Protein backbone atom coordinates (compact mmCIF):
# COMPACT_ATOMS: atom_id res chain seq x y z
CA MET A 1 21.55 -116.40 -179.05
CA THR A 2 25.25 -115.71 -180.76
CA ILE A 3 26.35 -119.30 -179.66
CA PHE A 4 23.13 -120.96 -181.06
CA LEU A 5 23.18 -119.01 -184.43
CA ASN A 6 26.65 -120.26 -184.71
CA SER A 7 25.72 -124.12 -184.05
CA VAL A 8 23.07 -123.37 -186.60
CA TYR A 9 25.60 -122.04 -189.27
CA ASN A 10 27.93 -125.21 -188.58
CA VAL A 11 25.48 -127.58 -189.25
CA LEU A 12 23.87 -125.71 -192.55
CA ASP A 13 27.99 -125.64 -193.36
CA LYS A 14 28.26 -129.31 -192.77
CA LEU A 15 25.00 -130.26 -194.69
CA TYR A 16 26.45 -128.09 -197.42
CA TRP A 17 29.92 -129.90 -198.13
CA LEU A 18 27.74 -133.27 -197.56
CA ILE A 19 25.79 -132.61 -200.79
CA HIS A 20 28.79 -130.57 -202.60
CA SER A 21 30.57 -133.84 -201.89
CA GLY A 22 28.03 -136.38 -202.84
CA LEU A 23 27.39 -134.52 -206.26
CA SER A 24 30.71 -133.91 -207.13
CA THR A 25 31.64 -137.68 -206.39
CA ALA A 26 28.62 -138.64 -208.09
CA TRP A 27 30.04 -136.57 -211.32
CA VAL A 28 33.82 -137.15 -211.36
CA VAL A 29 33.90 -141.12 -210.49
CA PRO A 30 31.45 -142.88 -213.24
CA ILE A 31 33.21 -139.84 -215.57
CA ALA A 32 36.72 -141.09 -214.76
CA LYS A 33 35.95 -144.64 -214.84
CA LEU A 34 34.46 -144.53 -218.33
CA ARG A 35 37.72 -142.96 -219.64
CA GLY A 36 39.65 -146.28 -218.15
CA ILE A 37 40.69 -144.79 -214.40
CA ALA A 38 40.25 -146.91 -211.62
CA ILE A 39 38.75 -145.56 -208.46
CA GLY A 40 38.44 -147.39 -205.36
CA GLY A 41 35.30 -147.60 -203.24
CA SER A 42 34.41 -144.32 -200.73
CA THR A 43 36.47 -142.12 -202.42
CA VAL A 44 35.26 -138.65 -202.04
CA PHE A 45 35.71 -135.35 -204.33
CA TYR A 46 34.57 -131.92 -203.41
CA GLY A 47 34.36 -130.13 -206.62
CA LEU A 48 35.81 -131.25 -209.89
CA THR A 49 39.21 -133.05 -210.21
CA LYS A 50 40.71 -132.78 -213.66
CA PHE A 51 42.02 -136.07 -215.01
CA LYS A 52 44.15 -136.28 -218.17
CA LYS A 53 44.98 -139.94 -219.46
CA ALA A 54 47.28 -140.83 -222.56
CA ARG A 55 45.52 -144.03 -224.51
CA THR A 56 48.12 -146.67 -222.66
CA ALA A 57 48.38 -144.89 -219.26
CA THR A 58 47.14 -146.31 -216.20
CA ILE A 59 46.12 -144.26 -213.29
CA LYS A 60 44.63 -146.51 -210.31
CA ILE A 61 43.45 -144.66 -207.48
CA GLY A 62 42.70 -146.93 -203.82
CA SER A 63 39.67 -146.73 -201.42
CA ARG A 64 38.71 -143.99 -198.82
CA ASN A 65 40.65 -141.18 -200.68
CA CYS A 66 39.86 -137.51 -200.86
CA PHE A 67 40.12 -135.00 -203.33
CA ARG A 68 39.51 -131.41 -202.45
CA SER A 69 39.23 -129.16 -205.48
CA ALA A 70 36.58 -126.47 -204.27
CA PRO A 71 38.30 -123.11 -203.06
CA THR A 72 37.14 -123.40 -199.46
CA SER A 73 36.50 -126.96 -199.31
CA ASN A 74 39.91 -126.92 -197.39
CA LEU A 75 39.99 -123.84 -195.09
CA ILE A 76 43.95 -123.54 -195.78
CA GLY A 77 42.75 -122.10 -199.18
CA ILE A 78 42.87 -123.62 -202.64
CA ASN A 79 44.34 -121.80 -205.62
CA ARG A 80 43.64 -124.74 -208.23
CA PRO A 81 41.62 -127.71 -208.67
CA CYS A 82 43.19 -131.10 -208.21
CA ILE A 83 44.79 -132.17 -211.42
CA VAL A 84 45.89 -135.96 -211.94
CA SER A 85 47.80 -136.64 -215.37
CA ALA A 86 49.43 -139.30 -216.78
CA LEU A 87 50.84 -137.52 -220.16
CA GLU A 88 52.82 -140.08 -221.78
CA PRO A 89 51.70 -143.54 -223.30
CA GLY A 90 52.67 -146.28 -220.61
CA SER A 91 53.09 -143.66 -218.05
CA LYS A 92 51.62 -145.11 -214.63
CA ILE A 93 50.04 -143.31 -211.44
CA SER A 94 49.16 -145.53 -208.37
CA ILE A 95 47.59 -144.25 -205.41
CA GLY A 96 47.09 -146.25 -202.25
CA ASP A 97 44.47 -145.93 -199.57
CA ASN A 98 43.26 -143.61 -197.17
CA CYS A 99 44.69 -140.03 -198.99
CA GLY A 100 43.86 -136.64 -198.80
CA PHE A 101 44.81 -134.31 -201.53
CA SER A 102 43.63 -130.08 -201.46
CA GLY A 103 44.64 -128.75 -204.89
CA THR A 104 47.17 -131.06 -205.70
CA VAL A 105 49.05 -131.31 -209.11
CA ILE A 106 50.04 -134.69 -210.23
CA GLY A 107 52.11 -134.54 -213.27
CA CYS A 108 53.36 -137.86 -214.69
CA PHE A 109 55.15 -138.82 -217.64
CA SER A 110 57.23 -141.85 -216.61
CA SER A 111 56.00 -143.57 -212.75
CA ILE A 112 54.22 -141.67 -209.54
CA THR A 113 53.86 -144.27 -206.87
CA ILE A 114 51.79 -142.63 -203.74
CA GLY A 115 51.62 -145.24 -200.73
CA ASP A 116 48.41 -145.06 -198.01
CA HIS A 117 47.73 -142.68 -195.54
CA VAL A 118 49.88 -139.52 -197.60
CA LYS A 119 48.51 -136.67 -197.00
CA CYS A 120 48.89 -133.54 -199.45
CA GLY A 121 48.88 -130.24 -197.87
CA ALA A 122 47.00 -127.28 -199.96
CA ASN A 123 48.44 -126.18 -203.70
CA THR A 124 51.33 -129.28 -203.40
CA LEU A 125 52.82 -130.37 -206.52
CA ILE A 126 54.16 -133.68 -207.63
CA THR A 127 55.98 -134.10 -211.08
CA ASP A 128 58.20 -136.34 -212.88
CA GLY A 129 59.05 -134.44 -215.36
CA ASP A 130 60.22 -131.48 -216.88
CA TRP A 131 57.41 -130.54 -219.03
CA HIS A 132 59.21 -129.21 -221.81
CA ALA A 133 60.92 -132.63 -223.67
CA GLU A 134 61.45 -130.59 -226.82
CA ASP A 135 63.90 -128.30 -224.86
CA PRO A 136 67.40 -129.77 -224.68
CA ARG A 137 68.15 -128.39 -221.10
CA SER A 138 65.72 -131.04 -220.25
CA SER A 139 66.32 -134.50 -219.06
CA ARG A 140 64.27 -137.74 -219.32
CA PRO A 141 61.67 -138.30 -216.69
CA LYS A 142 62.23 -140.21 -213.50
CA ALA A 143 59.99 -142.20 -210.98
CA ILE A 144 58.73 -140.78 -207.95
CA VAL A 145 57.69 -142.99 -204.99
CA ILE A 146 56.29 -141.65 -202.08
CA GLU A 147 55.99 -143.94 -199.22
CA ASP A 148 52.82 -144.70 -196.57
CA HIS A 149 52.04 -142.09 -194.16
CA VAL A 150 54.16 -138.97 -195.88
CA TRP A 151 52.82 -135.27 -195.04
CA LEU A 152 53.61 -132.87 -197.18
CA GLY A 153 52.69 -129.78 -196.11
CA VAL A 154 51.12 -127.00 -198.00
CA ASN A 155 52.86 -125.54 -201.05
CA VAL A 156 55.29 -128.41 -201.00
CA THR A 157 56.75 -129.40 -204.79
CA VAL A 158 58.27 -132.65 -205.27
CA MET A 159 60.39 -133.04 -208.16
CA LYS A 160 61.25 -136.06 -210.68
CA GLY A 161 63.70 -139.00 -209.38
CA VAL A 162 62.49 -138.53 -205.94
CA LYS A 163 61.68 -141.11 -203.11
CA ILE A 164 60.33 -140.02 -199.81
CA GLY A 165 60.30 -142.45 -197.04
CA LYS A 166 57.67 -143.82 -194.64
CA ASN A 167 56.31 -141.35 -192.18
CA SER A 168 58.16 -138.42 -193.20
CA LEU A 169 57.06 -134.58 -192.66
CA ILE A 170 58.01 -132.33 -195.69
CA GLY A 171 57.89 -128.69 -194.33
CA ALA A 172 55.27 -126.01 -195.88
CA GLY A 173 56.81 -124.66 -199.28
CA SER A 174 59.33 -127.20 -199.56
CA ILE A 175 61.09 -128.14 -203.00
CA VAL A 176 62.30 -131.70 -202.72
CA THR A 177 65.04 -132.64 -205.33
CA LYS A 178 66.52 -135.33 -203.76
CA ASP A 179 65.62 -138.73 -201.66
CA ILE A 180 64.21 -137.98 -197.86
CA PRO A 181 64.81 -141.20 -196.05
CA ALA A 182 62.24 -142.59 -193.28
CA ASN A 183 60.78 -140.98 -190.51
CA VAL A 184 62.19 -137.26 -190.31
CA ILE A 185 61.53 -133.96 -190.36
CA ALA A 186 62.43 -132.35 -193.92
CA ALA A 187 62.24 -128.72 -195.11
CA GLY A 188 63.60 -125.87 -197.34
CA ASN A 189 64.64 -125.24 -201.15
CA PRO A 190 66.55 -127.54 -201.49
CA CYS A 191 64.37 -129.78 -198.94
CA VAL A 192 67.11 -131.26 -196.47
CA VAL A 193 66.60 -133.35 -193.15
CA ILE A 194 66.39 -131.25 -189.97
CA ARG A 195 65.61 -133.70 -187.46
CA SER A 196 64.37 -137.68 -187.07
CA ILE A 197 61.05 -138.59 -185.70
CA THR A 198 61.75 -140.91 -182.74
CA ASN A 199 58.08 -141.88 -181.25
């Protein structure tokens, strides 16, 4: 009996999230497109992703991406919705295909490029600026590039001016302040290479 009830619950849970994502996507995509945000086909939203775009900024999102903003849509736990912001005139966000974002904040003042098949774990932050340009301790924004097949673990922060090479994995809780080469596992604060990925 317990196995049967658990199976029924799992089916109902899948049905709930199917309906939830359908409604969220049907709401988010048309509003984003009306605001001049390009979103490719088969991109799915669980909960309401927040977009902010300066008048001459560009946000381009590829196909078959997934944005999880509802708190339990990722069972590791999401403490905020996805927020995608191109905050300055002329700033550019480009996201490839088949990427996943869970409570991810992307804050762009200059340029952020994310390749294909990038996984962003719960509550990750990617920002190319200091957020307080009026403060004399701030410096200019610097572009971020995250290449294909990168995996950012839960609570990773990627800071301005960073390039992360293809197929690299960044460990949970890391703060990335300098370039990370391709095909490595890196972690820490500041994030450093731990070992190469050889297979």
